[in-house]
Amino acid sequence: MRFEARLFGIGVLFFVPVGLIYALLSGGEPVGTVAIPLVGGLVGMIGAYFALLARRIDPRPEDDELAEIADGAGDQGVFSPWSWWPLVIALAAAVAFLGLAIGWWLLVIAVPLGVIGLIGWVFEFSRGQHAH
């Protein structure tokens, strides 16, 4: 997590000065003058969270500059190779965006379809209470 904290810290060092330069060169245009430094603040909050998280967990191979590729070997997580639920969520998103072009009434179809797809994807491997 140290790498991610540094990456987002560099984002703060970029967005805040660029926001100030933008404010000077644009003559104080209100939207960009406020929005660009706020992006720097948001990036700073994410970087601070990653820095706090890096102190709580053990160092990962990604944090060591001299690490080998083999240091990161092993399980990287549990992934479902044949899940159909992402397609249901994508269909719900497509219907929702179609609703922006055609009519808001399509959201009546898209929202329940998205909720069903999300619940199905989250509980895909659950088989009863406390199942692992």
C-alpha atoms as a PDB file:
ATOM      1  CA  MET A   1       0.000   0.000   0.000  1.00  0.00           C
ATOM      2  CA  ARG A   2       2.970   2.295   0.283  1.00  0.00           C
ATOM      3  CA  PHE A   3       3.197   2.587  -3.498  1.00  0.00           C
ATOM      4  CA  GLU A   4      -0.455   3.581  -3.754  1.00  0.00           C
ATOM      5  CA  ALA A   5      -0.048   6.148  -0.964  1.00  0.00           C
ATOM      6  CA  ARG A   6       2.905   7.729  -2.791  1.00  0.00           C
ATOM      7  CA  LEU A   7       1.024   7.678  -6.093  1.00  0.00           C
ATOM      8  CA  PHE A   8      -1.937   9.563  -4.656  1.00  0.00           C
ATOM      9  CA  GLY A   9       0.412  11.891  -2.752  1.00  0.00           C
ATOM     10  CA  ILE A  10       1.958  12.876  -6.073  1.00  0.00           C
ATOM     11  CA  GLY A  11      -1.585  13.573  -7.287  1.00  0.00           C
ATOM     12  CA  VAL A  12      -1.996  16.150  -4.516  1.00  0.00           C
ATOM     13  CA  LEU A  13       1.277  17.774  -5.511  1.00  0.00           C
ATOM     14  CA  PHE A  14      -0.051  17.989  -9.062  1.00  0.00           C
ATOM     15  CA  PHE A  15      -3.696  19.043  -8.705  1.00  0.00           C
ATOM     16  CA  VAL A  16      -3.406  21.766  -6.076  1.00  0.00           C
ATOM     17  CA  PRO A  17      -0.724  23.834  -7.895  1.00  0.00           C
ATOM     18  CA  VAL A  18      -2.410  23.250 -11.248  1.00  0.00           C
ATOM     19  CA  GLY A  19      -5.674  24.485  -9.723  1.00  0.00           C
ATOM     20  CA  LEU A  20      -3.978  27.642  -8.475  1.00  0.00           C
ATOM     21  CA  ILE A  21      -2.303  28.232 -11.856  1.00  0.00           C
ATOM     22  CA  TYR A  22      -5.651  27.650 -13.570  1.00  0.00           C
ATOM     23  CA  ALA A  23      -7.295  30.196 -11.272  1.00  0.00           C
ATOM     24  CA  LEU A  24      -4.672  32.800 -12.154  1.00  0.00           C
ATOM     25  CA  LEU A  25      -4.706  32.171 -15.900  1.00  0.00           C
ATOM     26  CA  SER A  26      -8.481  31.895 -16.270  1.00  0.00           C
ATOM     27  CA  GLY A  27      -9.220  35.076 -14.386  1.00  0.00           C
ATOM     28  CA  GLY A  28     -10.951  33.258 -11.549  1.00  0.00           C
ATOM     29  CA  GLU A  29     -13.373  31.107 -13.544  1.00  0.00           C
ATOM     30  CA  PRO A  30     -15.473  29.705 -10.689  1.00  0.00           C
ATOM     31  CA  VAL A  31     -15.999  26.048 -11.608  1.00  0.00           C
ATOM     32  CA  GLY A  32     -12.439  25.075 -12.458  1.00  0.00           C
ATOM     33  CA  THR A  33     -10.969  27.279  -9.741  1.00  0.00           C
ATOM     34  CA  VAL A  34     -12.902  25.317  -7.120  1.00  0.00           C
ATOM     35  CA  ALA A  35     -13.039  21.879  -8.757  1.00  0.00           C
ATOM     36  CA  ILE A  36      -9.359  21.292  -9.532  1.00  0.00           C
ATOM     37  CA  PRO A  37      -8.081  21.935  -5.974  1.00  0.00           C
ATOM     38  CA  LEU A  38     -10.986  19.855  -4.653  1.00  0.00           C
ATOM     39  CA  VAL A  39      -9.782  16.966  -6.802  1.00  0.00           C
ATOM     40  CA  GLY A  40      -6.417  17.431  -5.105  1.00  0.00           C
ATOM     41  CA  GLY A  41      -8.147  17.215  -1.734  1.00  0.00           C
ATOM     42  CA  LEU A  42     -10.002  14.051  -2.716  1.00  0.00           C
ATOM     43  CA  VAL A  43      -6.792  12.468  -3.977  1.00  0.00           C
ATOM     44  CA  GLY A  44      -5.152  13.480  -0.701  1.00  0.00           C
ATOM     45  CA  MET A  45      -7.864  11.740   1.330  1.00  0.00           C
ATOM     46  CA  ILE A  46      -7.396   8.540  -0.651  1.00  0.00           C
ATOM     47  CA  GLY A  47      -3.618   8.761  -0.238  1.00  0.00           C
ATOM     48  CA  ALA A  48      -3.972   9.323   3.520  1.00  0.00           C
ATOM     49  CA  TYR A  49      -6.236   6.282   3.779  1.00  0.00           C
ATOM     50  CA  PHE A  50      -3.704   4.149   1.913  1.00  0.00           C
ATOM     51  CA  ALA A  51      -0.898   5.458   4.133  1.00  0.00           C
ATOM     52  CA  LEU A  52      -2.853   4.497   7.274  1.00  0.00           C
ATOM     53  CA  LEU A  53      -3.671   1.115   5.756  1.00  0.00           C
ATOM     54  CA  ALA A  54      -0.004   0.518   4.903  1.00  0.00           C
ATOM     55  CA  ARG A  55       0.910   0.951   8.564  1.00  0.00           C
ATOM     56  CA  ARG A  56      -1.595  -1.722   9.621  1.00  0.00           C
ATOM     57  CA  ILE A  57      -0.754  -4.479   7.135  1.00  0.00           C
ATOM     58  CA  ASP A  58       2.469  -6.321   6.398  1.00  0.00           C
ATOM     59  CA  PRO A  59       4.573  -5.044   3.486  1.00  0.00           C
ATOM     60  CA  ARG A  60       3.606  -6.571   0.152  1.00  0.00           C
ATOM     61  CA  PRO A  61       5.972  -7.544  -2.671  1.00  0.00           C
ATOM     62  CA  GLU A  62       4.719  -4.487  -4.588  1.00  0.00           C
ATOM     63  CA  ASP A  63       6.164  -2.246  -1.870  1.00  0.00           C
ATOM     64  CA  ASP A  64       9.695  -3.676  -2.162  1.00  0.00           C
ATOM     65  CA  GLU A  65      11.741  -2.143  -4.985  1.00  0.00           C
ATOM     66  CA  LEU A  66      14.055  -5.186  -5.088  1.00  0.00           C
ATOM     67  CA  ALA A  67      11.287  -7.808  -5.091  1.00  0.00           C
ATOM     68  CA  GLU A  68      11.178 -10.538  -7.706  1.00  0.00           C
ATOM     69  CA  ILE A  69       8.085 -11.621  -9.613  1.00  0.00           C
ATOM     70  CA  ALA A  70       8.129 -14.938  -7.755  1.00  0.00           C
ATOM     71  CA  ASP A  71       7.647 -13.092  -4.447  1.00  0.00           C
ATOM     72  CA  GLY A  72       4.055 -12.392  -5.420  1.00  0.00           C
ATOM     73  CA  ALA A  73       3.265 -16.011  -6.314  1.00  0.00           C
ATOM     74  CA  GLY A  74       0.256 -17.731  -4.824  1.00  0.00           C
ATOM     75  CA  ASP A  75      -3.442 -17.102  -4.600  1.00  0.00           C
ATOM     76  CA  GLN A  76      -4.451 -13.546  -5.429  1.00  0.00           C
ATOM     77  CA  GLY A  77      -8.099 -13.944  -4.474  1.00  0.00           C
ATOM     78  CA  VAL A  78     -11.262 -15.844  -5.343  1.00  0.00           C
ATOM     79  CA  PHE A  79     -12.648 -15.067  -8.761  1.00  0.00           C
ATOM     80  CA  SER A  80     -15.649 -16.619 -10.455  1.00  0.00           C
ATOM     81  CA  PRO A  81     -14.627 -17.651 -13.967  1.00  0.00           C
ATOM     82  CA  TRP A  82     -18.118 -18.445 -15.277  1.00  0.00           C
ATOM     83  CA  SER A  83     -20.382 -15.926 -13.617  1.00  0.00           C
ATOM     84  CA  TRP A  84     -23.383 -14.637 -15.551  1.00  0.00           C
ATOM     85  CA  TRP A  85     -24.252 -11.913 -13.029  1.00  0.00           C
ATOM     86  CA  PRO A  86     -21.968  -9.237 -14.509  1.00  0.00           C
ATOM     87  CA  LEU A  87     -23.938  -9.560 -17.741  1.00  0.00           C
ATOM     88  CA  VAL A  88     -27.188  -8.937 -15.854  1.00  0.00           C
ATOM     89  CA  ILE A  89     -25.680  -5.824 -14.251  1.00  0.00           C
ATOM     90  CA  ALA A  90     -24.390  -4.652 -17.640  1.00  0.00           C
ATOM     91  CA  LEU A  91     -27.849  -5.131 -19.129  1.00  0.00           C
ATOM     92  CA  ALA A  92     -29.353  -3.092 -16.293  1.00  0.00           C
ATOM     93  CA  ALA A  93     -26.795  -0.323 -16.878  1.00  0.00           C
ATOM     94  CA  ALA A  94     -27.510  -0.364 -20.616  1.00  0.00           C
ATOM     95  CA  VAL A  95     -31.266  -0.072 -19.995  1.00  0.00           C
ATOM     96  CA  ALA A  96     -30.639   2.775 -17.520  1.00  0.00           C
ATOM     97  CA  PHE A  97     -28.536   4.708 -20.039  1.00  0.00           C
ATOM     98  CA  LEU A  98     -31.130   3.982 -22.699  1.00  0.00           C
ATOM     99  CA  GLY A  99     -33.617   5.536 -20.317  1.00  0.00           C
ATOM    100  CA  LEU A 100     -31.677   8.796 -20.508  1.00  0.00           C
ATOM    101  CA  ALA A 101     -32.222   8.867 -24.274  1.00  0.00           C
ATOM    102  CA  ILE A 102     -35.738   7.476 -24.539  1.00  0.00           C
ATOM    103  CA  GLY A 103     -37.541   8.142 -21.283  1.00  0.00           C
ATOM    104  CA  TRP A 104     -37.152   7.998 -17.533  1.00  0.00           C
ATOM    105  CA  TRP A 105     -39.769   5.246 -17.343  1.00  0.00           C
ATOM    106  CA  LEU A 106     -37.069   2.735 -18.362  1.00  0.00           C
ATOM    107  CA  LEU A 107     -35.467   3.222 -14.945  1.00  0.00           C
ATOM    108  CA  VAL A 108     -38.465   1.355 -13.528  1.00  0.00           C
ATOM    109  CA  ILE A 109     -37.093  -1.686 -15.376  1.00  0.00           C
ATOM    110  CA  ALA A 110     -33.380  -0.984 -14.927  1.00  0.00           C
ATOM    111  CA  VAL A 111     -33.209  -0.408 -11.162  1.00  0.00           C
ATOM    112  CA  PRO A 112     -34.853  -3.698 -10.071  1.00  0.00           C
ATOM    113  CA  LEU A 113     -32.851  -5.575 -12.691  1.00  0.00           C
ATOM    114  CA  GLY A 114     -29.635  -4.003 -11.374  1.00  0.00           C
ATOM    115  CA  VAL A 115     -30.545  -4.810  -7.765  1.00  0.00           C
ATOM    116  CA  ILE A 116     -31.280  -8.431  -8.672  1.00  0.00           C
ATOM    117  CA  GLY A 117     -27.994  -8.698 -10.585  1.00  0.00           C
ATOM    118  CA  LEU A 118     -25.978  -7.153  -7.749  1.00  0.00           C
ATOM    119  CA  ILE A 119     -27.554  -9.382  -5.090  1.00  0.00           C
ATOM    120  CA  GLY A 120     -27.004 -12.418  -7.297  1.00  0.00           C
ATOM    121  CA  TRP A 121     -23.360 -11.531  -7.858  1.00  0.00           C
ATOM    122  CA  VAL A 122     -22.647 -10.848  -4.175  1.00  0.00           C
ATOM    123  CA  PHE A 123     -24.321 -14.042  -2.952  1.00  0.00           C
ATOM    124  CA  GLU A 124     -23.204 -16.236  -5.852  1.00  0.00           C
ATOM    125  CA  PHE A 125     -21.164 -18.630  -3.713  1.00  0.00           C
ATOM    126  CA  SER A 126     -23.408 -18.482  -0.637  1.00  0.00           C
ATOM    127  CA  ARG A 127     -25.227 -21.732   0.043  1.00  0.00           C
ATOM    128  CA  GLY A 128     -27.166 -21.150   3.231  1.00  0.00           C
ATOM    129  CA  GLN A 129     -26.378 -19.339   6.441  1.00  0.00           C
ATOM    130  CA  HIS A 130     -22.641 -19.006   7.250  1.00  0.00           C
ATOM    131  CA  ALA A 131     -21.675 -21.012   4.141  1.00  0.00           C
ATOM    132  CA  HIS A 132     -18.103 -20.803   2.951  1.00  0.00           C
END
